[in-house]
Protein backbone atom coordinates (compact mmCIF):
# COMPACT_ATOMS: atom_id res chain seq x y z
CA MET A 1 0.00 0.00 0.00
CA THR A 2 1.42 3.38 -1.02
CA ALA A 3 0.98 6.65 0.84
CA TYR A 4 -2.07 8.62 -0.26
CA THR A 5 -1.29 11.68 -2.40
CA PRO A 6 -4.15 14.21 -2.68
CA PRO A 7 -4.72 14.86 -6.42
CA LEU A 8 -4.73 18.62 -5.93
CA ASP A 9 -3.71 19.53 -9.48
CA GLU A 10 -6.60 17.51 -10.91
CA ILE A 11 -9.04 18.93 -8.37
CA ARG A 12 -7.96 22.51 -9.00
CA PHE A 13 -8.30 22.04 -12.75
CA VAL A 14 -11.90 20.83 -12.50
CA LEU A 15 -12.87 23.55 -10.04
CA HIS A 16 -11.35 26.45 -11.96
CA HIS A 17 -11.65 25.39 -15.58
CA LEU A 18 -14.69 23.13 -15.77
CA VAL A 19 -17.27 24.12 -13.14
CA ASP A 20 -16.39 27.85 -12.91
CA LEU A 21 -15.59 28.21 -9.23
CA GLU A 22 -14.98 31.92 -9.76
CA GLY A 23 -18.54 32.29 -11.05
CA LEU A 24 -19.90 30.46 -8.02
CA GLY A 25 -17.99 32.87 -5.79
CA ARG A 26 -19.95 35.76 -7.29
CA LEU A 27 -23.30 34.31 -6.20
CA PRO A 28 -25.01 35.86 -3.16
CA GLY A 29 -23.89 34.10 0.00
CA LEU A 30 -20.76 32.57 -1.57
CA GLU A 31 -18.64 35.69 -1.88
CA SER A 32 -16.08 34.43 0.63
CA ALA A 33 -14.96 31.67 -1.77
CA SER A 34 -12.00 33.55 -3.21
CA ALA A 35 -9.43 31.63 -5.22
CA ASP A 36 -6.74 32.17 -2.56
CA LEU A 37 -8.98 31.01 0.27
CA VAL A 38 -10.16 27.93 -1.64
CA ASP A 39 -6.59 27.01 -2.53
CA HIS A 40 -5.57 27.25 1.13
CA VAL A 41 -8.57 25.17 2.20
CA LEU A 42 -7.77 22.46 -0.32
CA GLU A 43 -4.09 22.36 0.66
CA GLU A 44 -4.97 21.95 4.33
CA ALA A 45 -7.77 19.45 3.61
CA GLY A 46 -5.31 17.38 1.59
CA ARG A 47 -2.75 17.57 4.36
CA PHE A 48 -5.29 16.39 6.91
CA ALA A 49 -6.29 13.54 4.62
CA ALA A 50 -2.74 12.37 3.99
CA GLN A 51 -1.25 12.90 7.44
CA GLU A 52 -4.11 12.32 9.87
CA LEU A 53 -6.69 10.06 8.22
CA ALA A 54 -4.81 7.84 5.76
CA PRO A 55 -2.46 6.34 8.39
CA LEU A 56 -5.51 5.13 10.36
CA ASN A 57 -7.23 3.44 7.41
CA ALA A 58 -5.60 0.01 7.27
CA PRO A 59 -5.10 -0.33 11.06
CA GLY A 60 -8.73 0.59 11.60
CA ASP A 61 -9.84 -2.03 9.09
CA ARG A 62 -7.87 -4.67 10.98
CA GLN A 63 -8.87 -3.60 14.47
CA ARG A 64 -12.56 -2.88 13.70
CA ALA A 65 -15.15 -1.09 15.80
CA ARG A 66 -16.29 -3.23 18.73
CA LEU A 67 -19.23 -3.39 21.11
CA GLU A 68 -18.19 -3.53 24.75
CA ASN A 69 -20.58 -3.32 27.73
CA GLY A 70 -23.26 -1.58 25.68
CA GLY A 71 -20.88 1.01 24.24
CA VAL A 72 -19.00 1.05 20.94
CA ARG A 73 -15.27 1.69 20.77
CA THR A 74 -13.82 2.94 17.50
CA PRO A 75 -10.31 1.84 16.45
CA ASP A 76 -7.23 3.37 18.02
CA GLY A 77 -6.58 6.90 16.82
CA PHE A 78 -10.08 7.62 15.53
CA LYS A 79 -11.16 9.61 18.58
CA GLU A 80 -8.06 11.79 18.47
CA ALA A 81 -8.37 12.34 14.72
CA TYR A 82 -12.02 13.27 15.09
CA ALA A 83 -11.17 15.83 17.77
CA LYS A 84 -8.65 17.42 15.38
CA PHE A 85 -11.24 17.33 12.57
CA VAL A 86 -13.70 19.26 14.73
CA ALA A 87 -11.08 21.66 16.11
CA GLY A 88 -10.03 22.49 12.54
CA GLY A 89 -13.57 23.56 11.64
CA TRP A 90 -13.71 20.96 8.87
CA HIS A 91 -17.12 19.62 9.83
CA GLY A 92 -18.98 22.80 8.92
CA LEU A 93 -17.10 23.65 5.73
CA GLN A 94 -20.21 24.25 3.59
CA MET A 95 -22.64 24.90 6.45
CA PRO A 96 -24.25 28.32 7.09
CA GLU A 97 -22.10 30.82 8.95
CA ALA A 98 -25.12 31.69 11.10
CA TRP A 99 -24.78 28.28 12.77
CA GLY A 100 -21.01 28.23 13.03
CA GLY A 101 -20.17 26.88 9.58
CA GLN A 102 -17.69 28.24 7.04
CA GLY A 103 -20.29 29.12 4.39
CA LEU A 104 -18.20 27.82 1.47
CA PRO A 105 -19.76 26.33 -1.68
CA TRP A 106 -20.81 22.70 -1.74
CA THR A 107 -18.46 22.38 -4.70
CA VAL A 108 -15.44 23.22 -2.53
CA ALA A 109 -16.65 20.91 0.22
CA THR A 110 -17.09 18.17 -2.39
CA ALA A 111 -13.40 18.47 -3.29
CA ALA A 112 -12.36 18.28 0.36
CA TRP A 113 -14.62 15.31 1.06
CA GLU A 114 -13.21 13.47 -1.93
CA MET A 115 -9.77 13.60 -0.36
CA TRP A 116 -10.98 12.65 3.12
CA ASN A 117 -12.98 9.71 1.77
CA SER A 118 -9.99 8.53 -0.23
CA ALA A 119 -7.89 8.61 2.91
CA ASN A 120 -10.34 6.89 5.25
CA LEU A 121 -13.93 6.19 4.22
CA ALA A 122 -14.85 4.45 7.47
CA PHE A 123 -13.90 7.55 9.47
CA CYS A 124 -15.78 9.92 7.17
CA LEU A 125 -19.08 8.10 7.41
CA CYS A 126 -19.72 9.63 10.84
CA PRO A 127 -19.55 13.33 9.82
CA ILE A 128 -21.28 12.61 6.50
CA LEU A 129 -24.35 11.29 8.36
CA THR A 130 -24.30 14.26 10.71
CA GLN A 131 -24.49 16.64 7.76
CA ALA A 132 -27.72 15.00 6.64
CA GLY A 133 -29.23 15.70 10.06
CA VAL A 134 -28.10 19.32 9.84
CA GLU A 135 -29.85 19.74 6.52
CA LEU A 136 -33.07 18.25 7.85
CA LEU A 137 -33.14 20.65 10.79
CA LEU A 138 -32.28 23.63 8.61
CA ARG A 139 -35.23 22.92 6.35
CA HIS A 140 -37.78 21.32 8.66
CA GLY A 141 -36.79 21.92 12.28
CA THR A 142 -38.52 24.36 14.60
CA GLU A 143 -36.73 27.43 15.89
CA GLU A 144 -36.37 25.70 19.25
CA GLN A 145 -34.91 22.55 17.66
CA ARG A 146 -32.43 24.53 15.61
CA ALA A 147 -31.36 26.58 18.62
CA ARG A 148 -30.88 23.49 20.76
CA TYR A 149 -29.15 21.14 18.34
CA LEU A 150 -27.79 22.84 15.21
CA GLY A 151 -24.72 24.56 16.61
CA LYS A 152 -23.35 21.35 18.10
CA LEU A 153 -24.15 19.33 14.97
CA VAL A 154 -22.66 21.86 12.56
CA SER A 155 -19.43 21.98 14.56
CA GLY A 156 -19.31 18.20 14.88
CA GLU A 157 -19.27 18.32 18.67
CA TRP A 158 -22.33 16.07 18.46
CA SER A 159 -22.98 13.54 15.73
CA GLY A 160 -26.14 12.52 13.89
CA THR A 161 -27.62 9.42 12.30
CA MET A 162 -30.39 8.49 9.89
CA CYS A 163 -32.57 5.65 11.19
CA LEU A 164 -34.70 4.40 8.32
CA THR A 165 -34.26 0.69 7.71
CA GLU A 166 -35.95 -2.10 9.64
CA PRO A 167 -35.41 -5.87 9.41
CA GLN A 168 -38.67 -6.59 7.60
CA ALA A 169 -38.72 -3.48 5.40
CA GLY A 170 -35.37 -2.98 3.63
CA SER A 171 -35.78 -0.42 0.85
CA ASP A 172 -39.57 -0.52 1.31
CA VAL A 173 -39.57 2.17 3.98
CA GLY A 174 -43.37 2.26 3.96
CA ALA A 175 -43.40 -1.18 5.61
CA LEU A 176 -41.75 0.07 8.82
CA ARG A 177 -43.27 -0.84 12.20
CA THR A 178 -41.62 1.61 14.59
CA ARG A 179 -44.34 3.40 16.58
CA ALA A 180 -44.52 6.91 18.01
CA LEU A 181 -47.13 7.67 20.70
CA PRO A 182 -47.80 11.34 21.55
CA GLU A 183 -47.09 12.40 25.13
CA GLY A 184 -47.32 16.12 25.83
CA ASP A 185 -44.72 18.05 23.84
CA HIS A 186 -42.94 14.89 22.74
CA TYR A 187 -43.52 11.31 21.60
CA ARG A 188 -42.53 7.92 22.96
CA ILE A 189 -40.89 5.82 20.25
CA ARG A 190 -40.57 2.05 20.22
CA GLY A 191 -38.98 -0.02 17.48
CA THR A 192 -35.83 -1.52 16.00
CA LYS A 193 -33.66 -0.04 13.26
CA ILE A 194 -30.86 -1.82 11.43
CA TYR A 195 -27.80 -0.71 9.42
CA ILE A 196 -27.40 2.46 11.47
CA THR A 197 -23.99 3.91 10.70
CA TYR A 198 -22.31 5.24 13.85
CA GLY A 199 -25.52 4.63 15.81
CA GLU A 200 -23.31 4.26 18.89
CA HIS A 201 -19.66 5.31 19.22
CA ASP A 202 -17.11 7.11 21.36
CA LEU A 203 -16.27 10.06 19.11
CA THR A 204 -18.85 12.48 20.54
CA PRO A 205 -20.72 12.66 23.86
CA ASN A 206 -24.13 12.90 22.22
CA THR A 207 -25.73 11.49 19.09
CA ILE A 208 -28.89 12.90 17.53
CA HIS A 209 -30.90 10.21 15.77
CA MET A 210 -33.33 11.12 12.97
CA VAL A 211 -35.88 8.29 13.12
CA LEU A 212 -38.80 7.42 10.86
CA ALA A 213 -41.83 6.09 12.73
CA ARG A 214 -45.58 5.81 12.45
CA THR A 215 -48.04 7.65 14.69
CA PRO A 216 -51.36 6.10 15.84
CA ASP A 217 -54.03 5.91 13.13
CA ALA A 218 -51.53 6.91 10.42
CA PRO A 219 -52.40 5.52 6.97
CA PRO A 220 -50.37 2.55 5.70
CA GLY A 221 -47.41 2.92 3.41
CA SER A 222 -44.93 5.75 3.10
CA LYS A 223 -47.61 8.46 3.33
CA GLY A 224 -48.20 7.61 6.98
CA ILE A 225 -44.59 8.06 8.12
CA SER A 226 -43.36 10.85 10.39
CA LEU A 227 -39.82 11.96 11.29
CA PHE A 228 -38.57 12.28 14.85
CA LEU A 229 -35.46 13.67 16.52
CA ILE A 230 -34.29 11.33 19.28
CA PRO A 231 -31.17 12.36 21.23
CA LYS A 232 -28.99 9.73 22.87
CA LEU A 233 -28.70 12.06 25.87
CA LEU A 234 -31.58 14.40 26.54
CA VAL A 235 -30.68 18.07 26.28
CA ASN A 236 -31.70 20.41 29.08
CA GLU A 237 -33.17 23.89 28.59
CA ASP A 238 -29.77 25.47 29.18
CA GLY A 239 -28.13 23.22 26.55
CA SER A 240 -26.41 20.95 29.02
CA LEU A 241 -26.65 17.19 28.68
CA GLY A 242 -29.18 15.33 30.80
CA ALA A 243 -30.32 11.76 31.31
CA ARG A 244 -29.71 8.87 28.93
CA ASN A 245 -32.66 8.30 26.59
CA ASP A 246 -34.30 4.88 26.24
CA LEU A 247 -32.26 3.60 23.32
CA ARG A 248 -29.27 1.32 22.90
CA CYS A 249 -27.10 -0.50 20.41
CA VAL A 250 -27.89 -4.21 20.73
CA SER A 251 -25.34 -5.49 18.20
CA LEU A 252 -22.88 -4.57 15.45
CA GLU A 253 -23.23 -5.97 11.95
CA HIS A 254 -20.42 -8.22 10.68
CA LYS A 255 -19.73 -6.70 7.28
CA LEU A 256 -17.76 -7.24 4.11
CA GLY A 257 -15.97 -3.92 4.49
CA ILE A 258 -15.88 -0.53 6.27
CA HIS A 259 -14.93 -2.51 9.38
CA ALA A 260 -13.83 0.54 11.37
CA SER A 261 -17.28 2.12 10.98
CA PRO A 262 -19.80 0.71 13.49
CA THR A 263 -22.99 -0.38 11.73
CA CYS A 264 -25.47 -0.78 14.55
CA VAL A 265 -28.73 -2.50 15.30
CA MET A 266 -30.53 0.12 17.41
CA SER A 267 -33.37 -0.60 19.79
CA PHE A 268 -35.63 2.29 20.79
CA GLY A 269 -38.00 2.09 23.74
CA GLU A 270 -37.30 -1.23 25.42
CA GLU A 271 -38.43 0.29 28.74
CA GLU A 272 -40.49 3.48 29.09
CA GLY A 273 -40.10 4.48 25.43
CA ALA A 274 -37.51 6.73 23.82
CA ILE A 275 -38.36 10.43 23.97
CA GLY A 276 -38.51 11.95 20.51
CA TYR A 277 -39.58 15.24 18.97
CA LEU A 278 -41.49 15.63 15.71
CA VAL A 279 -39.50 17.19 12.88
CA GLY A 280 -41.72 18.79 10.27
CA ALA A 281 -45.37 17.87 9.91
CA GLU A 282 -46.89 14.68 11.21
CA GLN A 283 -47.02 12.14 8.35
CA GLY A 284 -44.55 14.32 6.49
CA GLY A 285 -41.52 12.19 7.22
CA MET A 286 -40.83 11.05 3.69
CA ALA A 287 -41.18 14.56 2.29
CA ALA A 288 -38.64 15.73 4.87
CA MET A 289 -36.29 12.88 4.04
CA PHE A 290 -36.38 13.65 0.33
CA THR A 291 -35.09 17.18 0.96
CA MET A 292 -31.70 15.75 1.85
CA MET A 293 -31.58 13.00 -0.76
CA ASN A 294 -29.71 15.01 -3.42
CA ASN A 295 -26.91 15.90 -1.03
CA ALA A 296 -26.78 12.41 0.48
CA ARG A 297 -26.64 10.73 -2.92
CA LEU A 298 -23.98 13.15 -4.09
CA ALA A 299 -21.97 12.26 -0.97
CA VAL A 300 -22.28 8.52 -1.67
CA GLY A 301 -21.32 8.92 -5.33
CA LEU A 302 -18.27 10.81 -4.13
CA GLU A 303 -17.31 7.76 -2.05
CA GLY A 304 -17.07 5.73 -5.25
CA LEU A 305 -14.84 8.35 -6.85
CA ALA A 306 -12.67 8.61 -3.75
CA LEU A 307 -12.01 4.90 -3.41
CA ALA A 308 -11.36 4.62 -7.14
CA GLU A 309 -8.69 7.33 -6.87
CA ARG A 310 -7.09 5.62 -3.89
CA ALA A 311 -7.04 2.21 -5.58
CA TYR A 312 -5.67 3.70 -8.81
CA GLN A 313 -2.78 5.36 -6.99
CA ASP A 314 -1.75 2.03 -5.51
CA ALA A 315 -2.12 0.20 -8.82
CA LEU A 316 -0.10 2.78 -10.73
CA ALA A 317 2.72 2.73 -8.19
CA TYR A 318 2.83 -1.07 -8.19
CA ALA A 319 2.83 -1.27 -12.00
CA ARG A 320 5.74 1.13 -12.19
CA GLU A 321 7.81 -0.98 -9.79
CA ARG A 322 6.82 -4.59 -10.42
CA VAL A 323 9.12 -6.37 -12.90
CA GLN A 324 7.53 -9.39 -14.54
CA GLY A 325 7.73 -10.83 -18.05
CA ARG A 326 9.83 -9.51 -20.89
CA ARG A 327 9.56 -6.93 -23.66
CA ARG A 328 11.28 -6.49 -26.98
CA ASP A 329 13.81 -3.69 -27.10
CA GLY A 330 15.56 -3.27 -30.43
CA GLY A 331 14.96 -6.89 -31.30
CA ALA A 332 16.30 -8.22 -27.99
CA GLU A 333 14.24 -9.30 -25.02
CA ALA A 334 14.63 -7.47 -21.73
CA PRO A 335 12.91 -7.61 -18.32
CA ALA A 336 9.81 -5.43 -18.21
CA ARG A 337 7.96 -3.51 -15.58
CA ILE A 338 4.34 -4.53 -15.84
CA ILE A 339 3.31 -0.98 -16.79
CA GLU A 340 5.02 -1.67 -20.12
CA HIS A 341 2.61 -4.49 -20.97
CA PRO A 342 -0.30 -3.34 -23.18
CA ASP A 343 -3.04 -4.99 -21.13
CA VAL A 344 -1.82 -3.41 -17.90
CA ARG A 345 -1.64 -0.04 -19.63
CA ARG A 346 -5.21 -0.59 -20.83
CA MET A 347 -6.40 -1.20 -17.26
CA LEU A 348 -4.54 1.81 -15.89
CA LEU A 349 -5.76 4.15 -18.63
CA THR A 350 -9.30 2.89 -18.15
CA MET A 351 -9.06 3.69 -14.45
CA ARG A 352 -7.48 7.10 -14.99
CA SER A 353 -9.90 8.29 -17.64
CA GLN A 354 -12.95 7.03 -15.74
CA ILE A 355 -11.78 8.75 -12.55
CA GLU A 356 -11.36 12.02 -14.43
CA ALA A 357 -14.85 11.63 -15.87
CA MET A 358 -16.31 10.75 -12.47
CA ARG A 359 -14.68 13.78 -10.84
CA ALA A 360 -15.94 16.07 -13.58
CA LEU A 361 -19.47 14.70 -13.21
CA ALA A 362 -19.55 14.87 -9.40
CA TYR A 363 -18.19 18.41 -9.26
CA THR A 364 -20.57 19.51 -12.02
CA ALA A 365 -23.46 18.20 -9.94
CA ALA A 366 -22.12 19.98 -6.84
CA ALA A 367 -21.92 23.25 -8.79
CA ALA A 368 -25.54 22.76 -9.88
CA LEU A 369 -26.43 22.28 -6.22
CA ASP A 370 -24.75 25.57 -5.33
CA ARG A 371 -26.53 27.38 -8.14
CA SER A 372 -29.88 25.86 -7.16
CA LEU A 373 -29.43 27.37 -3.69
CA HIS A 374 -27.83 30.74 -4.51
CA GLU A 375 -28.77 31.88 -8.03
CA PRO A 376 -30.73 35.14 -7.64
CA ASP A 377 -32.42 34.74 -11.02
CA ALA A 378 -35.46 32.44 -10.75
CA ALA A 379 -35.09 30.96 -14.23
CA ARG A 380 -31.41 30.14 -13.72
CA ARG A 381 -32.16 28.72 -10.30
CA ALA A 382 -34.86 26.48 -11.76
CA ALA A 383 -32.51 25.34 -14.54
CA ALA A 384 -29.89 24.44 -11.94
CA GLU A 385 -32.46 22.51 -9.92
CA GLY A 386 -33.43 20.54 -13.02
CA ARG A 387 -29.83 19.80 -13.97
CA LEU A 388 -29.11 18.64 -10.42
CA ALA A 389 -32.15 16.36 -10.45
CA LEU A 390 -30.95 14.75 -13.68
CA LEU A 391 -27.33 14.34 -12.60
CA ILE A 392 -27.80 12.99 -9.09
CA PRO A 393 -28.81 9.43 -10.10
CA LEU A 394 -25.81 9.34 -12.44
CA VAL A 395 -23.38 10.48 -9.75
CA LYS A 396 -24.71 8.07 -7.18
CA ALA A 397 -25.05 4.97 -9.36
CA TRP A 398 -22.38 5.35 -12.04
CA CYS A 399 -19.64 6.60 -9.72
CA THR A 400 -20.25 3.83 -7.19
CA ASP A 401 -20.46 1.16 -9.89
CA LEU A 402 -17.16 2.38 -11.31
CA GLY A 403 -15.64 2.74 -7.85
CA PHE A 404 -16.09 -0.98 -7.30
CA GLU A 405 -14.99 -1.87 -10.83
CA ILE A 406 -11.86 0.27 -10.57
CA ALA A 407 -10.98 -1.22 -7.18
CA SER A 408 -11.33 -4.65 -8.79
CA SER A 409 -9.09 -3.63 -11.70
CA ALA A 410 -6.53 -2.26 -9.25
CA LEU A 411 -6.49 -5.62 -7.52
CA GLN A 412 -6.04 -7.28 -10.92
CA VAL A 413 -3.02 -5.10 -11.67
CA HIS A 414 -1.48 -6.39 -8.44
CA GLY A 415 -2.15 -9.97 -9.51
CA GLY A 416 -1.93 -12.51 -6.71
CA MET A 417 -0.44 -9.90 -4.40
CA GLY A 418 -3.68 -7.96 -4.62
CA TYR A 419 -5.61 -10.89 -3.22
CA ILE A 420 -3.45 -10.86 -0.09
CA GLU A 421 -4.88 -8.63 2.62
CA GLU A 422 -1.46 -7.41 3.73
CA THR A 423 -1.01 -5.40 0.54
CA GLY A 424 -4.10 -3.35 1.42
CA ILE A 425 -5.65 -3.24 -2.05
CA ALA A 426 -8.41 -5.68 -1.10
CA GLN A 427 -9.72 -3.26 1.50
CA TYR A 428 -10.68 -0.75 -1.20
CA LEU A 429 -12.66 -3.44 -3.01
CA ARG A 430 -14.46 -4.46 0.18
CA ASP A 431 -15.13 -0.89 1.27
CA ALA A 432 -16.35 0.23 -2.15
CA ARG A 433 -19.07 -2.39 -2.38
CA ILE A 434 -21.40 -0.75 0.16
CA ALA A 435 -21.68 2.51 -1.79
CA MET A 436 -23.66 0.73 -4.52
CA ILE A 437 -26.28 -0.06 -1.85
CA TYR A 438 -26.29 3.13 0.25
CA GLU A 439 -29.06 5.72 -0.23
CA GLY A 440 -31.12 3.44 -2.45
CA THR A 441 -29.53 0.68 -4.49
CA ASN A 442 -28.26 1.61 -7.91
CA GLY A 443 -31.22 -0.11 -9.53
CA ILE A 444 -33.45 2.29 -7.60
CA GLN A 445 -31.38 5.20 -8.90
CA ALA A 446 -31.98 3.98 -12.45
CA LEU A 447 -35.73 3.70 -11.82
CA ASP A 448 -35.71 7.23 -10.41
CA LEU A 449 -33.94 8.44 -13.55
CA VAL A 450 -36.31 6.94 -16.10
CA GLY A 451 -39.47 7.01 -14.00
CA ARG A 452 -39.20 10.55 -12.61
CA LYS A 453 -36.35 12.60 -13.98
CA LEU A 454 -37.02 11.92 -17.66
CA ARG A 455 -40.61 13.13 -17.10
CA MET A 456 -39.88 16.27 -15.10
CA ALA A 457 -40.23 19.66 -16.81
CA GLU A 458 -42.44 18.01 -19.45
CA GLY A 459 -39.59 15.72 -20.37
CA GLY A 460 -37.20 18.58 -21.04
CA LEU A 461 -34.35 17.89 -18.61
CA PRO A 462 -32.30 15.54 -20.83
CA TRP A 463 -32.91 17.60 -23.93
CA ALA A 464 -31.57 20.76 -22.30
CA LEU A 465 -28.41 18.78 -21.55
CA PHE A 466 -28.24 17.33 -25.06
CA ALA A 467 -28.44 20.82 -26.55
CA GLU A 468 -25.30 21.77 -24.63
CA LEU A 469 -23.57 18.62 -25.83
CA GLU A 470 -24.46 19.53 -29.43
CA ASP A 471 -22.63 22.82 -28.85
CA ASP A 472 -19.59 20.84 -27.72
CA LEU A 473 -19.73 18.82 -30.95
CA ALA A 474 -19.82 22.02 -32.99
CA ALA A 475 -16.78 23.35 -31.13
CA LEU A 476 -14.88 20.12 -31.74
CA GLY A 477 -15.73 20.30 -35.42
CA ALA A 478 -14.56 23.90 -35.65
CA ALA A 479 -11.27 22.90 -33.99
CA GLY A 480 -10.76 20.03 -36.42
CA ASP A 481 -10.90 17.38 -33.70
CA GLU A 482 -12.75 14.83 -35.79
CA ASP A 483 -11.21 11.88 -33.94
CA LEU A 484 -13.12 13.08 -30.87
CA ARG A 485 -16.20 14.56 -32.52
CA ARG A 486 -17.26 11.55 -34.61
CA PRO A 487 -17.47 8.95 -31.79
CA LEU A 488 -19.16 11.46 -29.50
CA ALA A 489 -21.69 12.41 -32.17
CA ALA A 490 -22.52 8.76 -32.80
CA ALA A 491 -22.93 8.10 -29.08
CA LEU A 492 -25.15 11.14 -28.64
CA ASP A 493 -27.36 10.04 -31.55
CA GLU A 494 -27.87 6.65 -29.92
CA LEU A 495 -28.52 8.27 -26.54
CA GLU A 496 -31.14 10.59 -27.99
CA GLU A 497 -32.90 7.67 -29.67
CA ALA A 498 -32.89 5.72 -26.40
CA THR A 499 -34.31 8.74 -24.58
CA ARG A 500 -37.10 9.15 -27.12
CA TRP A 501 -37.99 5.48 -26.76
CA LEU A 502 -38.20 5.70 -22.97
CA GLN A 503 -40.20 8.91 -23.02
CA ALA A 504 -42.66 7.59 -25.58
CA GLY A 505 -44.33 5.20 -23.12
CA HIS A 506 -45.27 1.60 -23.81
CA GLY A 507 -48.81 0.87 -22.73
CA ASN A 508 -48.75 -2.82 -23.67
CA ASP A 509 -45.55 -3.34 -21.69
CA PRO A 510 -45.79 -1.46 -18.39
CA ASP A 511 -42.37 -2.78 -17.31
CA ALA A 512 -40.57 -1.67 -20.49
CA ALA A 513 -38.98 1.47 -19.09
CA ALA A 514 -38.03 -0.22 -15.83
CA ALA A 515 -36.39 -3.06 -17.74
CA GLY A 516 -34.20 -0.60 -19.65
CA ALA A 517 -33.46 1.70 -16.73
CA THR A 518 -30.06 0.39 -15.63
CA PRO A 519 -28.52 0.19 -19.13
CA TYR A 520 -29.91 3.66 -19.86
CA LEU A 521 -28.29 5.16 -16.77
CA ARG A 522 -24.98 3.60 -17.75
CA MET A 523 -25.38 4.84 -21.32
CA LEU A 524 -26.21 8.39 -20.29
CA ALA A 525 -23.48 8.65 -17.65
CA THR A 526 -20.76 7.12 -19.85
CA THR A 527 -21.64 9.38 -22.77
CA LEU A 528 -21.74 12.47 -20.60
CA GLY A 529 -18.39 11.45 -19.12
CA GLY A 530 -16.89 11.42 -22.60
CA PHE A 531 -18.15 14.91 -23.32
CA LEU A 532 -16.83 16.22 -20.01
CA LEU A 533 -13.39 14.78 -20.75
CA THR A 534 -13.24 16.33 -24.21
CA ARG A 535 -14.50 19.63 -22.80
CA SER A 536 -11.70 19.49 -20.22
CA ALA A 537 -9.09 18.69 -22.87
CA ALA A 538 -10.25 21.55 -25.08
CA ARG A 539 -10.10 24.07 -22.25
CA ALA A 540 -6.72 22.86 -21.05
CA ARG A 541 -5.31 23.13 -24.56
CA ARG A 542 -6.82 26.57 -25.11
CA ILE A 543 -5.16 28.07 -22.03
CA GLY A 544 -1.92 26.11 -22.32
CA HIS A 545 -2.46 24.35 -19.01
CA PRO A 546 0.30 21.97 -17.83
CA LEU A 547 -2.27 19.14 -17.79
CA ALA A 548 -3.30 19.71 -21.42
CA LYS A 549 -1.36 16.76 -22.86
CA ALA A 550 -2.65 14.35 -20.20
CA LYS A 551 -6.22 15.62 -20.57
CA LEU A 552 -6.17 15.07 -24.31
CA ALA A 553 -4.72 11.57 -23.88
CA SER A 554 -7.46 10.65 -21.39
CA ALA A 555 -10.17 12.00 -23.68
CA ARG A 556 -8.86 10.12 -26.72
CA PHE A 557 -8.53 6.86 -24.82
CA TYR A 558 -11.99 7.15 -23.29
CA VAL A 559 -13.71 8.08 -26.55
CA SER A 560 -12.05 5.30 -28.55
CA GLN A 561 -12.13 2.51 -25.94
CA LEU A 562 -14.96 3.14 -23.46
CA LEU A 563 -17.58 5.08 -25.38
CA PRO A 564 -18.45 2.51 -28.11
CA PRO A 565 -19.85 -0.08 -25.64
CA ALA A 566 -22.03 2.64 -24.10
CA ALA A 567 -23.51 3.57 -27.47
CA ALA A 568 -24.32 -0.10 -28.05
CA LEU A 569 -26.53 -0.15 -24.95
CA ARG A 570 -29.45 1.36 -26.89
CA ALA A 571 -30.56 -2.12 -27.91
CA ALA A 572 -30.72 -3.21 -24.28
CA VAL A 573 -32.57 -0.04 -23.29
CA SER A 574 -35.29 -0.55 -25.90
CA ALA A 575 -35.65 -4.34 -25.66
CA GLY A 576 -38.64 -4.11 -23.31
CA SER A 577 -39.34 -6.50 -20.48
CA ALA A 578 -39.73 -9.70 -22.56
CA PRO A 579 -36.03 -10.72 -22.28
CA LEU A 580 -36.35 -10.56 -18.50
CA ASP A 581 -39.25 -13.00 -18.41
CA ALA A 582 -37.06 -16.06 -17.88
CA GLY A 583 -39.22 -18.08 -15.53
CA LEU A 584 -37.43 -17.06 -12.35
CA ASP A 585 -40.58 -16.92 -10.23
């Protein structure tokens, strides 16, 4: 395992030359995001990732979180690193200044979180979940709730969780059984939640659980669900910590990866009932939850990118050092480093170009998020909201799919050494697998894309994007870059035909769109990735950027090697549900 090196040059390029960080800094509320400040933030975030978090990653995986006497102990060093994380103000990087945050753009925070996740995903899962709770309170909490909890959550002094899943429900949240009985100004909650990340731990003195439950006489299904704030320790009127609430961690899940992150089975109300407070309207729990879905899914997609970058760095370093096989040099055979073998170069270039495309996509989505929150012009704000809605399923599903695939390829580059735990590469593969399940499995993301996003704005969201891609094609033609323009034009034609087919509707085959959803998401994301790479290469070349040669090489490799299979997915998209009727019932 090599030391983690923050890819600051790549990150800076995307921020300044692809997503227009300077333009974001001119939006109301983001004026503090000067180029000098952002550069300093990224340098320090990268330093923290490399020096504080990365050294704890492999030891934490080996040691694991453990349940002892009803409490959970995180691996050695985590508590100290978390204290430094909070003391450095990192937890509130993109949070409102009014609540103690830094008020920087989500796009800048996205870059910092990429580096932290690369260094130690298991550590980062705690503050990532807390941020979701902050967003819920900002949008749906009462003034009293915000005053009592937000400052501590924004700073990271307290942590937060999301308690959705139950043993019998899984992704069908509407099937939950947790009950909330009203009692004066609060409720008594009883039920069991599973897969609760950092549901119990020793990093903070208090944990604020956001719990979905059903009130008496609530209608069945997701429409009858309410959201409740349940603190581990009750908070007194003066803000001090009071008695322990009626909740506990009854076990830790034994998982494939993210071993240092405690994934808890939480029991609420085994005795008098856990005290909880309604957040938002009664039976409005799902509506409240959906307000944080874009940010949460962006965060999970970023995990795929981050682990891909980490695995690629190890694979590249190993390929440069490992001598195996022979090559021809002037007619004579000589020992070869494996990076000299064509198939290894193919794997490494595939990883590199996909990571560049993933980063461009994730940061583009983050910039759309910033514009959806801060654009003063209503039409531009609405356009940003639509673009964000379209991109989020791609970021979440495509980046996590590729994160796992790239970790697998990195292991393959290592050969048999990659299969040995001591080399560390296997941890990235194990850790990456969960991201494809988090925040709705990737199949659910695909269904969201074709079932909702393709029909929003009267079906106009993809076509607004395609119009911009047509402009890119025109620019490539004007520059004489036919080797890039032709494959991209062919891929866009196929993508547009697939989109028309999905939007047309198929009354005799109600499952047609669902059957083509996953290949369509892959097709759309891969094609868009190709355009983002060529856009990056063109801009780097135009300004004479030091990365121009590498950007052009990545774009050419991607367009020639990875784009053709994506264009061929149109047949799978439009095949309907008949091929899936294989008698599996």
